[in-house]
Amino acid sequence: MSQARRNLRFQALALAALVVGLLPAPFAASVADPVQLAGAFFGWAVAMYLFAAGGTLVAALTFEPGEPMRRGWLLLSVAYLVLAPALIRMGPKADGLYEATQRAPWVASITSIVSGALAVAGFLVLSRAWRASGLDTTSRAARVTARLVALAVAAAMAGPDLVDRLPAALKGDVLAAGDVITDLLDGGLFVVAIPVLRAALVLLGGGLVAWPWLMLTASIMAWLGYDAIAVYGGAAGLDAGTLRVAEEALRTLGAAFAFSAGIAQRWVMSEAARLR
């Protein structure tokens, strides 16, 4: 089978993730009642977190117990899994715009921080396993350059929200403090992921091994967009309803690409076993 044909199902998987990310828009267009919209978005968000947790768990179970890659994917799976019960605890808000974080603000903040920390730990384990495999032969200078570029992108995406929320966080606002820490963790994820993605795409010529990292990076980009949309969208004059749909779309993309990355990792390992 040619390289192009082997890539085809991975391309279809990535396209499916993009399509899933578009679904919140028709949800909002078809539901006029804000209370019903709140319920629809609430149930959808819980399903997306479980969806992402399931896909990354599939990747983890591809590896044997004790393998670093198994541990890294498990950490990513748990990072999504912990978000579902926290969201259920908070419940939907009656106006359909945001979850009812005022019910238990500490739940939202602590859960976001724990989830972000687990994701960073998972990415660190995966990136170290990548380097230990010998596949990454890039120079130290190239890796540092990639990290600096990633840091600049992360700052552009998450920085405005961090700056916007920092004053309130310093005054003791629990939700704002959680947002600031989450922004920092999301930026850290991107800085960890980009050097590995660069090595996968450049050194492996965009081969199959690159697909899981490509989709994981797309997931991180979506989450950085989720952090940034309120600030950038507000500056662009978008109304609250449009911002809410955009946030839900970005959250969906983040979860859908995480799921797809897990499935892609499974396919990569299956393909490698077949070619042995």
C-alpha atoms as a PDB file:
ATOM      1  CA  MET A   1       0.000   0.000   0.000  1.00  0.00           C
ATOM      2  CA  SER A   2       1.370   3.429  -0.953  1.00  0.00           C
ATOM      3  CA  GLN A   3       2.147   6.092   1.618  1.00  0.00           C
ATOM      4  CA  ALA A   4      -0.660   8.248   0.193  1.00  0.00           C
ATOM      5  CA  ARG A   5      -3.235   5.495   0.642  1.00  0.00           C
ATOM      6  CA  ARG A   6      -2.023   4.726   4.167  1.00  0.00           C
ATOM      7  CA  ASN A   7      -2.473   8.408   5.027  1.00  0.00           C
ATOM      8  CA  LEU A   8      -6.008   8.493   3.645  1.00  0.00           C
ATOM      9  CA  ARG A   9      -7.848   7.154   6.692  1.00  0.00           C
ATOM     10  CA  PHE A  10      -5.873   9.481   8.970  1.00  0.00           C
ATOM     11  CA  GLN A  11      -6.915  12.396   6.788  1.00  0.00           C
ATOM     12  CA  ALA A  12     -10.528  11.223   7.009  1.00  0.00           C
ATOM     13  CA  LEU A  13     -10.193  11.016  10.810  1.00  0.00           C
ATOM     14  CA  ALA A  14      -8.905  14.592  10.996  1.00  0.00           C
ATOM     15  CA  LEU A  15     -11.716  15.779   8.701  1.00  0.00           C
ATOM     16  CA  ALA A  16     -14.282  14.034  10.908  1.00  0.00           C
ATOM     17  CA  ALA A  17     -12.925  15.908  13.942  1.00  0.00           C
ATOM     18  CA  LEU A  18     -13.337  19.194  12.076  1.00  0.00           C
ATOM     19  CA  VAL A  19     -16.916  18.313  11.124  1.00  0.00           C
ATOM     20  CA  VAL A  20     -17.777  17.433  14.725  1.00  0.00           C
ATOM     21  CA  GLY A  21     -16.387  20.820  15.752  1.00  0.00           C
ATOM     22  CA  LEU A  22     -18.952  22.540  13.543  1.00  0.00           C
ATOM     23  CA  LEU A  23     -21.962  20.896  15.225  1.00  0.00           C
ATOM     24  CA  PRO A  24     -22.521  23.469  18.022  1.00  0.00           C
ATOM     25  CA  ALA A  25     -23.496  26.061  15.399  1.00  0.00           C
ATOM     26  CA  PRO A  26     -26.524  24.116  14.065  1.00  0.00           C
ATOM     27  CA  PHE A  27     -27.423  23.270  17.683  1.00  0.00           C
ATOM     28  CA  ALA A  28     -27.683  26.968  18.454  1.00  0.00           C
ATOM     29  CA  ALA A  29     -29.509  27.732  15.207  1.00  0.00           C
ATOM     30  CA  SER A  30     -32.137  25.055  15.799  1.00  0.00           C
ATOM     31  CA  VAL A  31     -32.821  25.782  19.488  1.00  0.00           C
ATOM     32  CA  ALA A  32     -34.432  29.162  20.122  1.00  0.00           C
ATOM     33  CA  ASP A  33     -35.191  28.662  23.820  1.00  0.00           C
ATOM     34  CA  PRO A  34     -32.087  29.603  25.878  1.00  0.00           C
ATOM     35  CA  VAL A  35     -32.981  27.103  28.611  1.00  0.00           C
ATOM     36  CA  GLN A  36     -33.151  24.269  26.076  1.00  0.00           C
ATOM     37  CA  LEU A  37     -29.928  25.525  24.513  1.00  0.00           C
ATOM     38  CA  ALA A  38     -28.269  25.419  27.929  1.00  0.00           C
ATOM     39  CA  GLY A  39     -29.363  21.801  28.316  1.00  0.00           C
ATOM     40  CA  ALA A  40     -28.153  20.887  24.822  1.00  0.00           C
ATOM     41  CA  PHE A  41     -24.734  22.461  25.306  1.00  0.00           C
ATOM     42  CA  PHE A  42     -24.447  20.982  28.792  1.00  0.00           C
ATOM     43  CA  GLY A  43     -25.107  17.421  27.639  1.00  0.00           C
ATOM     44  CA  TRP A  44     -22.911  17.874  24.574  1.00  0.00           C
ATOM     45  CA  ALA A  45     -19.956  19.135  26.626  1.00  0.00           C
ATOM     46  CA  VAL A  46     -20.153  16.177  29.032  1.00  0.00           C
ATOM     47  CA  ALA A  47     -20.323  13.796  26.054  1.00  0.00           C
ATOM     48  CA  MET A  48     -17.291  15.461  24.430  1.00  0.00           C
ATOM     49  CA  TYR A  49     -15.181  15.102  27.573  1.00  0.00           C
ATOM     50  CA  LEU A  50     -16.057  11.415  27.805  1.00  0.00           C
ATOM     51  CA  PHE A  51     -15.455  11.065  24.062  1.00  0.00           C
ATOM     52  CA  ALA A  52     -11.923  12.494  24.379  1.00  0.00           C
ATOM     53  CA  ALA A  53     -11.203  10.410  27.474  1.00  0.00           C
ATOM     54  CA  GLY A  54     -12.264   7.267  25.599  1.00  0.00           C
ATOM     55  CA  GLY A  55     -10.103   7.969  22.543  1.00  0.00           C
ATOM     56  CA  THR A  56      -6.977   8.651  24.559  1.00  0.00           C
ATOM     57  CA  LEU A  57      -7.675   5.543  26.662  1.00  0.00           C
ATOM     58  CA  VAL A  58      -7.739   3.484  23.444  1.00  0.00           C
ATOM     59  CA  ALA A  59      -4.246   4.796  22.678  1.00  0.00           C
ATOM     60  CA  ALA A  60      -3.028   3.988  26.194  1.00  0.00           C
ATOM     61  CA  LEU A  61      -4.253   0.401  26.001  1.00  0.00           C
ATOM     62  CA  THR A  62      -2.323  -0.061  22.754  1.00  0.00           C
ATOM     63  CA  PHE A  63       0.875  -0.160  24.822  1.00  0.00           C
ATOM     64  CA  GLU A  64       1.988  -2.684  27.399  1.00  0.00           C
ATOM     65  CA  PRO A  65       1.855  -1.889  31.150  1.00  0.00           C
ATOM     66  CA  GLY A  66       4.977  -0.050  32.224  1.00  0.00           C
ATOM     67  CA  GLU A  67       5.639   1.545  28.840  1.00  0.00           C
ATOM     68  CA  PRO A  68       6.019   5.345  29.079  1.00  0.00           C
ATOM     69  CA  MET A  69       3.648   5.913  26.156  1.00  0.00           C
ATOM     70  CA  ARG A  70       0.911   4.039  28.012  1.00  0.00           C
ATOM     71  CA  ARG A  71       1.397   6.241  31.063  1.00  0.00           C
ATOM     72  CA  GLY A  72       1.375   9.425  28.984  1.00  0.00           C
ATOM     73  CA  TRP A  73      -1.846   8.581  27.181  1.00  0.00           C
ATOM     74  CA  LEU A  74      -3.475   7.493  30.448  1.00  0.00           C
ATOM     75  CA  LEU A  75      -2.671  10.880  31.959  1.00  0.00           C
ATOM     76  CA  LEU A  76      -4.318  12.595  28.987  1.00  0.00           C
ATOM     77  CA  SER A  77      -7.360  10.351  29.346  1.00  0.00           C
ATOM     78  CA  VAL A  78      -7.752  11.188  33.035  1.00  0.00           C
ATOM     79  CA  ALA A  79      -7.255  14.897  32.245  1.00  0.00           C
ATOM     80  CA  TYR A  80     -10.466  14.780  30.205  1.00  0.00           C
ATOM     81  CA  LEU A  81     -12.292  12.332  32.431  1.00  0.00           C
ATOM     82  CA  VAL A  82     -12.116  14.562  35.523  1.00  0.00           C
ATOM     83  CA  LEU A  83     -13.856  17.368  33.644  1.00  0.00           C
ATOM     84  CA  ALA A  84     -17.118  15.448  33.171  1.00  0.00           C
ATOM     85  CA  PRO A  85     -18.197  14.995  36.824  1.00  0.00           C
ATOM     86  CA  ALA A  86     -17.183  18.573  37.620  1.00  0.00           C
ATOM     87  CA  LEU A  87     -19.373  19.865  34.806  1.00  0.00           C
ATOM     88  CA  ILE A  88     -22.250  17.669  35.964  1.00  0.00           C
ATOM     89  CA  ARG A  89     -21.823  19.057  39.490  1.00  0.00           C
ATOM     90  CA  MET A  90     -22.117  22.626  38.186  1.00  0.00           C
ATOM     91  CA  GLY A  91     -24.976  21.975  35.768  1.00  0.00           C
ATOM     92  CA  PRO A  92     -26.314  24.239  33.005  1.00  0.00           C
ATOM     93  CA  LYS A  93     -27.223  27.857  33.527  1.00  0.00           C
ATOM     94  CA  ALA A  94     -30.779  28.902  32.763  1.00  0.00           C
ATOM     95  CA  ASP A  95     -29.890  31.661  30.293  1.00  0.00           C
ATOM     96  CA  GLY A  96     -28.060  29.231  28.024  1.00  0.00           C
ATOM     97  CA  LEU A  97     -24.846  31.219  27.813  1.00  0.00           C
ATOM     98  CA  TYR A  98     -22.510  29.690  30.358  1.00  0.00           C
ATOM     99  CA  GLU A  99     -22.344  26.809  32.833  1.00  0.00           C
ATOM    100  CA  ALA A 100     -23.567  27.725  36.307  1.00  0.00           C
ATOM    101  CA  THR A 101     -20.092  28.161  37.779  1.00  0.00           C
ATOM    102  CA  GLN A 102     -21.493  30.502  40.418  1.00  0.00           C
ATOM    103  CA  ARG A 103     -22.973  27.412  42.099  1.00  0.00           C
ATOM    104  CA  ALA A 104     -19.541  26.063  43.000  1.00  0.00           C
ATOM    105  CA  PRO A 105     -16.768  28.282  41.623  1.00  0.00           C
ATOM    106  CA  TRP A 106     -14.073  26.318  43.431  1.00  0.00           C
ATOM    107  CA  VAL A 107     -15.161  23.154  41.573  1.00  0.00           C
ATOM    108  CA  ALA A 108     -14.627  24.789  38.184  1.00  0.00           C
ATOM    109  CA  SER A 109     -11.276  26.311  39.134  1.00  0.00           C
ATOM    110  CA  ILE A 110      -9.760  23.295  40.851  1.00  0.00           C
ATOM    111  CA  THR A 111     -10.946  20.894  38.169  1.00  0.00           C
ATOM    112  CA  SER A 112      -9.532  23.043  35.352  1.00  0.00           C
ATOM    113  CA  ILE A 113      -6.190  23.278  37.124  1.00  0.00           C
ATOM    114  CA  VAL A 114      -6.038  19.547  37.863  1.00  0.00           C
ATOM    115  CA  SER A 115      -7.014  18.697  34.297  1.00  0.00           C
ATOM    116  CA  GLY A 116      -4.414  21.067  32.856  1.00  0.00           C
ATOM    117  CA  ALA A 117      -1.685  19.734  35.148  1.00  0.00           C
ATOM    118  CA  LEU A 118      -2.508  16.140  34.187  1.00  0.00           C
ATOM    119  CA  ALA A 119      -2.394  17.065  30.503  1.00  0.00           C
ATOM    120  CA  VAL A 120       0.985  18.781  30.871  1.00  0.00           C
ATOM    121  CA  ALA A 121       2.334  15.727  32.715  1.00  0.00           C
ATOM    122  CA  GLY A 122       0.980  13.454  29.993  1.00  0.00           C
ATOM    123  CA  PHE A 123       2.578  15.496  27.235  1.00  0.00           C
ATOM    124  CA  LEU A 124       5.899  15.579  29.064  1.00  0.00           C
ATOM    125  CA  VAL A 125       5.863  11.782  29.376  1.00  0.00           C
ATOM    126  CA  LEU A 126       4.960  11.368  25.701  1.00  0.00           C
ATOM    127  CA  SER A 127       7.630  13.819  24.529  1.00  0.00           C
ATOM    128  CA  ARG A 128      10.315  12.132  26.639  1.00  0.00           C
ATOM    129  CA  ALA A 129       9.286   8.752  25.274  1.00  0.00           C
ATOM    130  CA  TRP A 130       9.538  10.213  21.777  1.00  0.00           C
ATOM    131  CA  ARG A 131      13.077  11.473  22.381  1.00  0.00           C
ATOM    132  CA  ALA A 132      14.096   8.179  23.999  1.00  0.00           C
ATOM    133  CA  SER A 133      12.877   6.276  20.925  1.00  0.00           C
ATOM    134  CA  GLY A 134      15.637   7.811  18.808  1.00  0.00           C
ATOM    135  CA  LEU A 135      13.165   9.148  16.246  1.00  0.00           C
ATOM    136  CA  ASP A 136      13.907  12.760  17.128  1.00  0.00           C
ATOM    137  CA  THR A 137      17.319  13.618  15.714  1.00  0.00           C
ATOM    138  CA  THR A 138      16.805  17.374  15.649  1.00  0.00           C
ATOM    139  CA  SER A 139      19.479  19.538  17.178  1.00  0.00           C
ATOM    140  CA  ARG A 140      19.137  21.239  20.522  1.00  0.00           C
ATOM    141  CA  ALA A 141      19.117  24.601  18.727  1.00  0.00           C
ATOM    142  CA  ALA A 142      16.217  23.480  16.520  1.00  0.00           C
ATOM    143  CA  ARG A 143      14.227  22.331  19.540  1.00  0.00           C
ATOM    144  CA  VAL A 144      14.860  25.599  21.386  1.00  0.00           C
ATOM    145  CA  THR A 145      13.793  27.590  18.316  1.00  0.00           C
ATOM    146  CA  ALA A 146      10.603  25.514  18.024  1.00  0.00           C
ATOM    147  CA  ARG A 147       9.824  26.153  21.690  1.00  0.00           C
ATOM    148  CA  LEU A 148      10.354  29.896  21.307  1.00  0.00           C
ATOM    149  CA  VAL A 149       8.016  29.988  18.313  1.00  0.00           C
ATOM    150  CA  ALA A 150       5.469  27.934  20.253  1.00  0.00           C
ATOM    151  CA  LEU A 151       5.802  30.294  23.215  1.00  0.00           C
ATOM    152  CA  ALA A 152       5.116  33.291  20.972  1.00  0.00           C
ATOM    153  CA  VAL A 153       2.016  31.633  19.500  1.00  0.00           C
ATOM    154  CA  ALA A 154       0.776  30.570  22.944  1.00  0.00           C
ATOM    155  CA  ALA A 155       1.294  34.101  24.259  1.00  0.00           C
ATOM    156  CA  ALA A 156      -0.701  35.535  21.347  1.00  0.00           C
ATOM    157  CA  MET A 157      -3.539  33.062  21.903  1.00  0.00           C
ATOM    158  CA  ALA A 158      -3.773  32.783  25.691  1.00  0.00           C
ATOM    159  CA  GLY A 159      -1.990  35.983  26.722  1.00  0.00           C
ATOM    160  CA  PRO A 160      -4.898  38.412  26.270  1.00  0.00           C
ATOM    161  CA  ASP A 161      -7.225  36.293  28.414  1.00  0.00           C
ATOM    162  CA  LEU A 162      -4.508  35.911  31.037  1.00  0.00           C
ATOM    163  CA  VAL A 163      -3.931  39.678  31.153  1.00  0.00           C
ATOM    164  CA  ASP A 164      -7.688  40.299  31.241  1.00  0.00           C
ATOM    165  CA  ARG A 165      -8.270  37.910  34.153  1.00  0.00           C
ATOM    166  CA  LEU A 166      -5.106  38.583  36.160  1.00  0.00           C
ATOM    167  CA  PRO A 167      -6.319  41.721  38.030  1.00  0.00           C
ATOM    168  CA  ALA A 168      -9.412  39.907  39.292  1.00  0.00           C
ATOM    169  CA  ALA A 169      -7.304  36.879  40.234  1.00  0.00           C
ATOM    170  CA  LEU A 170      -4.967  39.059  42.280  1.00  0.00           C
ATOM    171  CA  LYS A 171      -8.017  40.421  44.130  1.00  0.00           C
ATOM    172  CA  GLY A 172      -9.030  36.910  45.179  1.00  0.00           C
ATOM    173  CA  ASP A 173     -11.535  35.969  42.471  1.00  0.00           C
ATOM    174  CA  VAL A 174     -11.464  32.166  42.476  1.00  0.00           C
ATOM    175  CA  LEU A 175     -12.730  31.771  38.920  1.00  0.00           C
ATOM    176  CA  ALA A 176     -10.280  34.342  37.586  1.00  0.00           C
ATOM    177  CA  ALA A 177      -7.377  32.653  39.365  1.00  0.00           C
ATOM    178  CA  GLY A 178      -8.387  29.330  37.864  1.00  0.00           C
ATOM    179  CA  ASP A 179      -8.554  30.919  34.402  1.00  0.00           C
ATOM    180  CA  VAL A 180      -5.070  32.422  34.769  1.00  0.00           C
ATOM    181  CA  ILE A 181      -3.512  29.116  35.827  1.00  0.00           C
ATOM    182  CA  THR A 182      -5.370  27.254  33.082  1.00  0.00           C
ATOM    183  CA  ASP A 183      -4.092  29.739  30.488  1.00  0.00           C
ATOM    184  CA  LEU A 184      -0.533  29.134  31.681  1.00  0.00           C
ATOM    185  CA  LEU A 185      -0.986  25.363  31.569  1.00  0.00           C
ATOM    186  CA  ASP A 186      -2.511  25.459  28.070  1.00  0.00           C
ATOM    187  CA  GLY A 187       0.409  27.566  26.874  1.00  0.00           C
ATOM    188  CA  GLY A 188       2.819  25.110  28.488  1.00  0.00           C
ATOM    189  CA  LEU A 189       1.147  22.243  26.619  1.00  0.00           C
ATOM    190  CA  PHE A 190       1.773  23.958  23.298  1.00  0.00           C
ATOM    191  CA  VAL A 191       5.427  24.643  24.114  1.00  0.00           C
ATOM    192  CA  VAL A 192       5.937  20.958  24.984  1.00  0.00           C
ATOM    193  CA  ALA A 193       4.109  19.628  21.917  1.00  0.00           C
ATOM    194  CA  ILE A 194       5.496  21.771  19.092  1.00  0.00           C
ATOM    195  CA  PRO A 195       9.134  20.498  19.048  1.00  0.00           C
ATOM    196  CA  VAL A 196       7.907  16.904  18.803  1.00  0.00           C
ATOM    197  CA  LEU A 197       5.402  17.774  16.083  1.00  0.00           C
ATOM    198  CA  ARG A 198       8.144  19.536  14.122  1.00  0.00           C
ATOM    199  CA  ALA A 199      10.387  16.481  14.327  1.00  0.00           C
ATOM    200  CA  ALA A 200       7.542  14.179  13.304  1.00  0.00           C
ATOM    201  CA  LEU A 201       6.570  16.271  10.287  1.00  0.00           C
ATOM    202  CA  VAL A 202      10.051  17.212   9.059  1.00  0.00           C
ATOM    203  CA  LEU A 203      12.141  14.165   9.849  1.00  0.00           C
ATOM    204  CA  LEU A 204       9.476  11.586   9.088  1.00  0.00           C
ATOM    205  CA  GLY A 205       8.237  13.411   6.020  1.00  0.00           C
ATOM    206  CA  GLY A 206       4.753  13.693   7.425  1.00  0.00           C
ATOM    207  CA  GLY A 207       4.492   9.912   7.752  1.00  0.00           C
ATOM    208  CA  LEU A 208       1.997   7.984   9.839  1.00  0.00           C
ATOM    209  CA  VAL A 209       3.856   8.553  13.124  1.00  0.00           C
ATOM    210  CA  ALA A 210       3.214  12.278  12.738  1.00  0.00           C
ATOM    211  CA  TRP A 211      -0.579  11.966  12.784  1.00  0.00           C
ATOM    212  CA  PRO A 212      -1.151  11.505  16.553  1.00  0.00           C
ATOM    213  CA  TRP A 213       1.046  14.516  17.293  1.00  0.00           C
ATOM    214  CA  LEU A 214      -0.557  16.561  14.556  1.00  0.00           C
ATOM    215  CA  MET A 215      -3.998  15.914  16.056  1.00  0.00           C
ATOM    216  CA  LEU A 216      -2.839  16.473  19.628  1.00  0.00           C
ATOM    217  CA  THR A 217      -1.376  19.820  18.575  1.00  0.00           C
ATOM    218  CA  ALA A 218      -4.640  20.715  16.825  1.00  0.00           C
ATOM    219  CA  SER A 219      -6.423  19.888  20.076  1.00  0.00           C
ATOM    220  CA  ILE A 220      -4.149  22.226  22.020  1.00  0.00           C
ATOM    221  CA  MET A 221      -4.664  24.981  19.438  1.00  0.00           C
ATOM    222  CA  ALA A 222      -8.415  24.626  19.886  1.00  0.00           C
ATOM    223  CA  TRP A 223      -8.089  24.934  23.655  1.00  0.00           C
ATOM    224  CA  LEU A 224      -5.858  27.996  23.274  1.00  0.00           C
ATOM    225  CA  GLY A 225      -8.592  29.430  21.053  1.00  0.00           C
ATOM    226  CA  TYR A 226     -11.131  28.608  23.757  1.00  0.00           C
ATOM    227  CA  ASP A 227      -9.023  30.648  26.191  1.00  0.00           C
ATOM    228  CA  ALA A 228      -8.729  33.546  23.746  1.00  0.00           C
ATOM    229  CA  ILE A 229     -12.151  33.791  22.093  1.00  0.00           C
ATOM    230  CA  ALA A 230     -13.821  35.891  24.790  1.00  0.00           C
ATOM    231  CA  VAL A 231     -11.140  38.578  24.547  1.00  0.00           C
ATOM    232  CA  TYR A 232     -10.653  38.555  20.785  1.00  0.00           C
ATOM    233  CA  GLY A 233     -14.352  38.045  20.070  1.00  0.00           C
ATOM    234  CA  GLY A 234     -15.309  40.856  22.407  1.00  0.00           C
ATOM    235  CA  ALA A 235     -12.787  43.149  20.752  1.00  0.00           C
ATOM    236  CA  ALA A 236     -14.293  42.214  17.381  1.00  0.00           C
ATOM    237  CA  GLY A 237     -17.758  43.168  18.625  1.00  0.00           C
ATOM    238  CA  LEU A 238     -19.300  39.691  18.685  1.00  0.00           C
ATOM    239  CA  ASP A 239     -22.455  39.390  20.791  1.00  0.00           C
ATOM    240  CA  ALA A 240     -22.680  37.062  23.798  1.00  0.00           C
ATOM    241  CA  GLY A 241     -24.637  34.392  21.949  1.00  0.00           C
ATOM    242  CA  THR A 242     -22.115  34.201  19.097  1.00  0.00           C
ATOM    243  CA  LEU A 243     -19.239  34.059  21.564  1.00  0.00           C
ATOM    244  CA  ARG A 244     -20.933  31.206  23.403  1.00  0.00           C
ATOM    245  CA  VAL A 245     -21.327  29.178  20.203  1.00  0.00           C
ATOM    246  CA  ALA A 246     -17.698  29.879  19.250  1.00  0.00           C
ATOM    247  CA  GLU A 247     -16.509  28.727  22.673  1.00  0.00           C
ATOM    248  CA  GLU A 248     -18.521  25.533  22.409  1.00  0.00           C
ATOM    249  CA  ALA A 249     -17.159  24.886  18.912  1.00  0.00           C
ATOM    250  CA  LEU A 250     -13.586  25.320  20.136  1.00  0.00           C
ATOM    251  CA  ARG A 251     -14.194  23.093  23.151  1.00  0.00           C
ATOM    252  CA  THR A 252     -15.653  20.483  20.806  1.00  0.00           C
ATOM    253  CA  LEU A 253     -12.646  20.724  18.499  1.00  0.00           C
ATOM    254  CA  GLY A 254     -10.290  20.312  21.448  1.00  0.00           C
ATOM    255  CA  ALA A 255     -12.052  17.138  22.567  1.00  0.00           C
ATOM    256  CA  ALA A 256     -12.631  15.747  19.062  1.00  0.00           C
ATOM    257  CA  PHE A 257      -8.981  16.105  18.053  1.00  0.00           C
ATOM    258  CA  ALA A 258      -7.884  14.488  21.336  1.00  0.00           C
ATOM    259  CA  PHE A 259     -10.158  11.530  20.551  1.00  0.00           C
ATOM    260  CA  SER A 260      -8.837  11.379  16.980  1.00  0.00           C
ATOM    261  CA  ALA A 261      -5.236  11.505  18.219  1.00  0.00           C
ATOM    262  CA  GLY A 262      -5.866   8.449  20.375  1.00  0.00           C
ATOM    263  CA  ILE A 263      -7.414   6.533  17.489  1.00  0.00           C
ATOM    264  CA  ALA A 264      -4.564   7.630  15.198  1.00  0.00           C
ATOM    265  CA  GLN A 265      -2.029   6.315  17.713  1.00  0.00           C
ATOM    266  CA  ARG A 266      -3.829   2.956  17.728  1.00  0.00           C
ATOM    267  CA  TRP A 267      -3.767   2.828  13.932  1.00  0.00           C
ATOM    268  CA  VAL A 268      -0.070   3.746  13.818  1.00  0.00           C
ATOM    269  CA  MET A 269       0.808   0.887  16.150  1.00  0.00           C
ATOM    270  CA  SER A 270      -1.416  -1.529  14.218  1.00  0.00           C
ATOM    271  CA  GLU A 271       0.257  -0.506  10.962  1.00  0.00           C
ATOM    272  CA  ALA A 272       3.700  -0.941  12.483  1.00  0.00           C
ATOM    273  CA  ALA A 273       2.784  -4.427  13.731  1.00  0.00           C
ATOM    274  CA  ARG A 274       1.441  -5.364  10.292  1.00  0.00           C
ATOM    275  CA  LEU A 275       4.656  -4.299   8.537  1.00  0.00           C
ATOM    276  CA  ARG A 276       6.938  -6.268  10.865  1.00  0.00           C
END
